[in-house]
Amino acid sequence: MRFLQRFARWSRQRSRPWVLLLICALPLATMAFRGPGRLAIARLQYEGGGDWYGNPSSLPNLIKAIADRTSLPIERTEAKVKLTDSALFDYPFLHMTGHGEVKFSDTEVQRLREYLTRGGFLHADDNYGLDDTFRREMARVFPDRPLVEVPYSHPIYHLVYDFQNGPPKVHEHDGKPAKGYGIFIGNRLAVYYTFSADLGNGWEDVGTYADPPVLHEQALRLGVNLFTYAATSRVLP
């Protein structure tokens, strides 16, 4: 229960009583998903021509880190899902990435809106080239809820590991700072979008790129935070 102890300590230090509510409600939250109290990560398959399948070793490494570092009962293999699949609502955590265009059908827009409104969580990672069309499609999903920068005080940066300055920057690309944007539904962060960070590249096997191991570790730590939040945030009002 290492992450729960950290959870409670962080809550007391920052006067966040709802975090303790999450701890108490965690068994209920885990039972809300896939199978007998287990949790799973699904990679989102989308149309438009973007390489949704990019960073093939990223999610296996993230899943292993979550299993090793928390007590969350996570499935050990990633799933792949389309927004039109009947299994969509089995997964509390969707991950999408790519370099190219994202294009949702009208049905997919409706399904993603329903998934997120009902408590699902989407992490989108711009693998350099996704930004314009991702923002366009999310504006179709939530025309009244713009992407906003997630404040550094948000629990997504502190649940298990502390990130005082937001997401780590794994790749330089055009030199812009790493940013974490989000869409909120009430008090709950439903969409978290890492821009100019290449978090998924950081999750890949060490040596895949020329990134130092310290950035691999930082990326995995934030991924653990993201999944922990997704697995518990459905109990928030």
Protein backbone atom coordinates (compact mmCIF):
# COMPACT_ATOMS: atom_id res chain seq x y z
CA MET A 1 0.00 0.00 0.00
CA ARG A 2 2.93 2.33 -0.59
CA PHE A 3 1.05 4.66 -2.89
CA LEU A 4 -1.91 4.85 -0.48
CA GLN A 5 0.41 5.95 2.32
CA ARG A 6 1.85 8.62 0.03
CA PHE A 7 -1.70 9.56 -0.96
CA ALA A 8 -2.71 10.13 2.66
CA ARG A 9 0.44 12.06 3.55
CA TRP A 10 0.00 14.35 0.51
CA SER A 11 -3.64 14.92 1.45
CA ARG A 12 -2.83 15.97 5.01
CA GLN A 13 -0.02 18.28 3.93
CA ARG A 14 -2.20 20.09 1.40
CA SER A 15 -5.52 19.98 3.23
CA ARG A 16 -7.17 17.93 0.49
CA PRO A 17 -9.80 15.89 2.35
CA TRP A 18 -11.29 14.51 -0.88
CA VAL A 19 -8.05 12.59 -1.43
CA LEU A 20 -8.81 10.57 1.67
CA LEU A 21 -12.25 9.94 0.22
CA LEU A 22 -10.53 8.48 -2.85
CA ILE A 23 -8.49 6.16 -0.66
CA CYS A 24 -11.58 4.87 1.10
CA ALA A 25 -13.46 4.49 -2.16
CA LEU A 26 -10.65 2.80 -4.08
CA PRO A 27 -12.06 -0.73 -3.77
CA LEU A 28 -15.40 0.55 -5.09
CA ALA A 29 -13.65 2.33 -7.96
CA THR A 30 -11.66 -0.73 -8.98
CA MET A 31 -14.78 -2.89 -8.98
CA ALA A 32 -16.42 -0.50 -11.44
CA PHE A 33 -14.21 -1.76 -14.24
CA ARG A 34 -13.07 -4.79 -16.15
CA GLY A 35 -13.65 -8.20 -14.62
CA PRO A 36 -13.31 -9.13 -10.94
CA GLY A 37 -11.90 -5.89 -9.61
CA ARG A 38 -9.09 -5.51 -12.13
CA LEU A 39 -8.03 -2.48 -14.15
CA ALA A 40 -6.67 -2.20 -17.66
CA ILE A 41 -5.10 0.28 -20.07
CA ALA A 42 -6.35 0.44 -23.65
CA ARG A 43 -4.61 2.03 -26.62
CA LEU A 44 -7.07 4.01 -28.72
CA GLN A 45 -7.21 3.07 -32.40
CA TYR A 46 -8.42 6.01 -34.49
CA GLU A 47 -8.82 6.92 -38.15
CA GLY A 48 -7.28 9.75 -40.15
CA GLY A 49 -3.88 8.30 -40.99
CA GLY A 50 -2.02 8.89 -37.75
CA ASP A 51 0.18 6.12 -36.34
CA TRP A 52 -1.99 5.27 -33.35
CA TYR A 53 0.18 2.16 -32.85
CA GLY A 54 3.37 4.17 -32.23
CA ASN A 55 5.74 3.60 -29.29
CA PRO A 56 5.06 -0.17 -29.10
CA SER A 57 7.04 -0.79 -25.90
CA SER A 58 5.59 2.20 -24.04
CA LEU A 59 2.43 0.77 -22.51
CA PRO A 60 3.95 -2.60 -21.54
CA ASN A 61 6.64 -0.70 -19.62
CA LEU A 62 4.12 1.62 -18.00
CA ILE A 63 1.90 -1.30 -16.99
CA LYS A 64 4.88 -3.05 -15.39
CA ALA A 65 5.76 0.11 -13.47
CA ILE A 66 2.19 0.46 -12.17
CA ALA A 67 2.11 -3.20 -11.14
CA ASP A 68 5.51 -3.00 -9.42
CA ARG A 69 5.01 0.33 -7.67
CA THR A 70 1.37 0.35 -6.58
CA SER A 71 -1.16 -2.10 -5.24
CA LEU A 72 -3.63 -1.40 -8.05
CA PRO A 73 -4.80 -4.69 -9.61
CA ILE A 74 -3.82 -3.86 -13.18
CA GLU A 75 -4.09 -6.19 -16.17
CA ARG A 76 -0.58 -7.06 -17.36
CA THR A 77 -1.22 -6.61 -21.08
CA GLU A 78 -2.46 -3.56 -22.94
CA ALA A 79 -5.72 -3.67 -24.86
CA LYS A 80 -6.51 -2.03 -28.18
CA VAL A 81 -9.92 -0.47 -28.64
CA LYS A 82 -11.91 1.65 -31.06
CA LEU A 83 -14.42 4.20 -29.86
CA THR A 84 -17.17 2.16 -31.49
CA ASP A 85 -16.22 -1.09 -29.72
CA SER A 86 -18.64 -2.47 -27.14
CA ALA A 87 -15.69 -3.00 -24.76
CA LEU A 88 -14.87 0.72 -24.63
CA PHE A 89 -16.48 1.24 -21.24
CA ASP A 90 -14.52 -1.64 -19.72
CA TYR A 91 -11.39 0.51 -19.61
CA PRO A 92 -10.88 3.36 -17.14
CA PHE A 93 -7.76 4.57 -18.99
CA LEU A 94 -7.44 5.25 -22.73
CA HIS A 95 -4.08 6.23 -24.20
CA MET A 96 -3.65 7.73 -27.65
CA THR A 97 -0.56 8.90 -29.47
CA GLY A 98 0.79 9.46 -32.96
CA HIS A 99 2.47 11.83 -35.39
CA GLY A 100 -0.32 12.32 -37.91
CA GLU A 101 -3.95 13.23 -38.34
CA VAL A 102 -6.77 12.24 -35.99
CA LYS A 103 -10.27 12.05 -37.43
CA PHE A 104 -13.36 10.98 -35.50
CA SER A 105 -16.69 10.15 -37.10
CA ASP A 106 -19.81 11.74 -35.67
CA THR A 107 -20.55 8.46 -33.90
CA GLU A 108 -17.06 8.35 -32.41
CA VAL A 109 -17.40 11.93 -31.17
CA GLN A 110 -20.60 10.97 -29.38
CA ARG A 111 -19.08 7.79 -27.94
CA LEU A 112 -15.99 9.56 -26.64
CA ARG A 113 -18.14 12.27 -25.04
CA GLU A 114 -20.24 9.58 -23.36
CA TYR A 115 -17.17 7.64 -22.21
CA LEU A 116 -15.58 10.70 -20.64
CA THR A 117 -18.80 12.00 -19.12
CA ARG A 118 -19.44 8.63 -17.50
CA GLY A 119 -16.07 8.69 -15.76
CA GLY A 120 -13.54 7.50 -18.32
CA PHE A 121 -10.08 9.06 -18.63
CA LEU A 122 -8.17 9.85 -21.83
CA HIS A 123 -4.45 10.51 -21.94
CA ALA A 124 -3.30 11.87 -25.29
CA ASP A 125 0.41 12.23 -25.96
CA ASP A 126 1.50 14.36 -28.90
CA ASN A 127 4.28 12.41 -30.56
CA TYR A 128 5.05 15.56 -32.57
CA GLY A 129 2.48 16.17 -35.28
CA LEU A 130 -0.76 15.30 -33.48
CA ASP A 131 -1.52 18.70 -32.00
CA ASP A 132 -3.63 20.50 -34.61
CA THR A 133 -6.02 17.69 -35.41
CA PHE A 134 -6.28 16.47 -31.81
CA ARG A 135 -7.36 19.93 -30.69
CA ARG A 136 -9.82 20.12 -33.57
CA GLU A 137 -11.42 16.78 -32.74
CA MET A 138 -11.62 17.48 -29.00
CA ALA A 139 -13.41 20.74 -29.80
CA ARG A 140 -16.02 18.58 -31.53
CA VAL A 141 -16.27 16.28 -28.50
CA PHE A 142 -16.62 19.17 -26.03
CA PRO A 143 -17.34 22.45 -27.85
CA ASP A 144 -18.07 24.09 -24.50
CA ARG A 145 -15.00 22.76 -22.64
CA PRO A 146 -11.66 24.03 -23.99
CA LEU A 147 -8.32 22.48 -23.25
CA VAL A 148 -6.70 24.44 -20.41
CA GLU A 149 -3.31 24.11 -18.79
CA VAL A 150 -3.55 21.85 -15.74
CA PRO A 151 -2.24 23.72 -12.69
CA TYR A 152 0.87 22.32 -11.05
CA SER A 153 -1.05 21.99 -7.80
CA HIS A 154 -3.43 19.43 -9.32
CA PRO A 155 -3.24 15.97 -7.70
CA ILE A 156 -2.24 14.39 -11.00
CA TYR A 157 1.22 15.83 -10.33
CA HIS A 158 1.40 14.62 -6.73
CA LEU A 159 -0.56 11.40 -6.10
CA VAL A 160 2.39 9.01 -6.00
CA TYR A 161 5.33 11.11 -7.23
CA ASP A 162 5.79 14.86 -7.00
CA PHE A 163 6.16 16.97 -10.14
CA GLN A 164 6.51 20.56 -9.04
CA ASN A 165 6.84 21.94 -12.59
CA GLY A 166 4.46 19.81 -14.62
CA PRO A 167 5.36 17.06 -17.09
CA PRO A 168 8.99 16.20 -17.90
CA LYS A 169 10.33 17.04 -21.35
CA VAL A 170 11.66 13.87 -22.95
CA HIS A 171 12.45 15.14 -26.49
CA GLU A 172 13.39 18.61 -27.62
CA HIS A 173 11.72 18.76 -31.07
CA ASP A 174 11.07 22.49 -31.62
CA GLY A 175 12.32 23.53 -28.20
CA LYS A 176 8.93 24.41 -26.74
CA PRO A 177 8.41 23.65 -23.04
CA ALA A 178 6.52 20.52 -22.05
CA LYS A 179 2.91 21.30 -21.20
CA GLY A 180 0.03 19.38 -19.66
CA TYR A 181 -3.42 20.46 -20.85
CA GLY A 182 -6.74 19.10 -19.72
CA ILE A 183 -10.49 19.09 -20.01
CA PHE A 184 -12.42 19.09 -16.76
CA ILE A 185 -15.90 17.72 -16.13
CA GLY A 186 -16.94 19.26 -12.85
CA ASN A 187 -13.99 18.76 -10.49
CA ARG A 188 -12.68 15.76 -12.39
CA LEU A 189 -9.89 15.88 -14.96
CA ALA A 190 -11.27 13.74 -17.79
CA VAL A 191 -8.69 14.44 -20.52
CA TYR A 192 -4.98 14.98 -19.96
CA TYR A 193 -2.94 16.02 -23.00
CA THR A 194 0.86 16.10 -22.92
CA PHE A 195 2.24 18.49 -25.52
CA SER A 196 5.91 18.86 -26.51
CA ALA A 197 6.79 16.29 -23.86
CA ASP A 198 6.84 12.93 -25.69
CA LEU A 199 5.87 11.09 -22.55
CA GLY A 200 5.24 7.89 -24.52
CA ASN A 201 8.77 7.98 -25.92
CA GLY A 202 9.98 8.18 -22.35
CA TRP A 203 8.00 5.04 -21.50
CA GLU A 204 9.68 3.05 -24.25
CA ASP A 205 12.59 0.70 -23.59
CA VAL A 206 15.75 2.45 -22.46
CA GLY A 207 18.02 2.71 -25.50
CA THR A 208 15.21 3.03 -28.05
CA TYR A 209 16.15 6.69 -28.30
CA ALA A 210 19.13 8.67 -27.09
CA ASP A 211 17.26 9.80 -23.98
CA PRO A 212 19.01 9.36 -20.62
CA PRO A 213 17.57 6.79 -18.18
CA VAL A 214 16.60 9.59 -15.78
CA LEU A 215 14.01 10.83 -18.29
CA HIS A 216 12.68 7.29 -18.74
CA GLU A 217 12.19 7.17 -14.98
CA GLN A 218 10.52 10.58 -14.83
CA ALA A 219 8.14 9.64 -17.63
CA LEU A 220 7.19 6.38 -15.91
CA ARG A 221 6.59 8.20 -12.64
CA LEU A 222 4.15 10.61 -14.21
CA GLY A 223 2.45 7.68 -15.97
CA VAL A 224 1.96 5.99 -12.59
CA ASN A 225 0.33 9.19 -11.33
CA LEU A 226 -1.94 9.37 -14.37
CA PHE A 227 -3.20 5.83 -14.00
CA THR A 228 -3.69 6.16 -10.25
CA TYR A 229 -5.81 9.24 -10.83
CA ALA A 230 -7.83 7.55 -13.59
CA ALA A 231 -8.45 4.50 -11.42
CA THR A 232 -9.82 6.55 -8.54
CA SER A 233 -11.32 9.72 -9.97
CA ARG A 234 -14.66 8.21 -10.93
CA VAL A 235 -15.74 8.50 -7.30
CA LEU A 236 -15.42 12.29 -7.42
CA PRO A 237 -18.62 14.32 -7.85
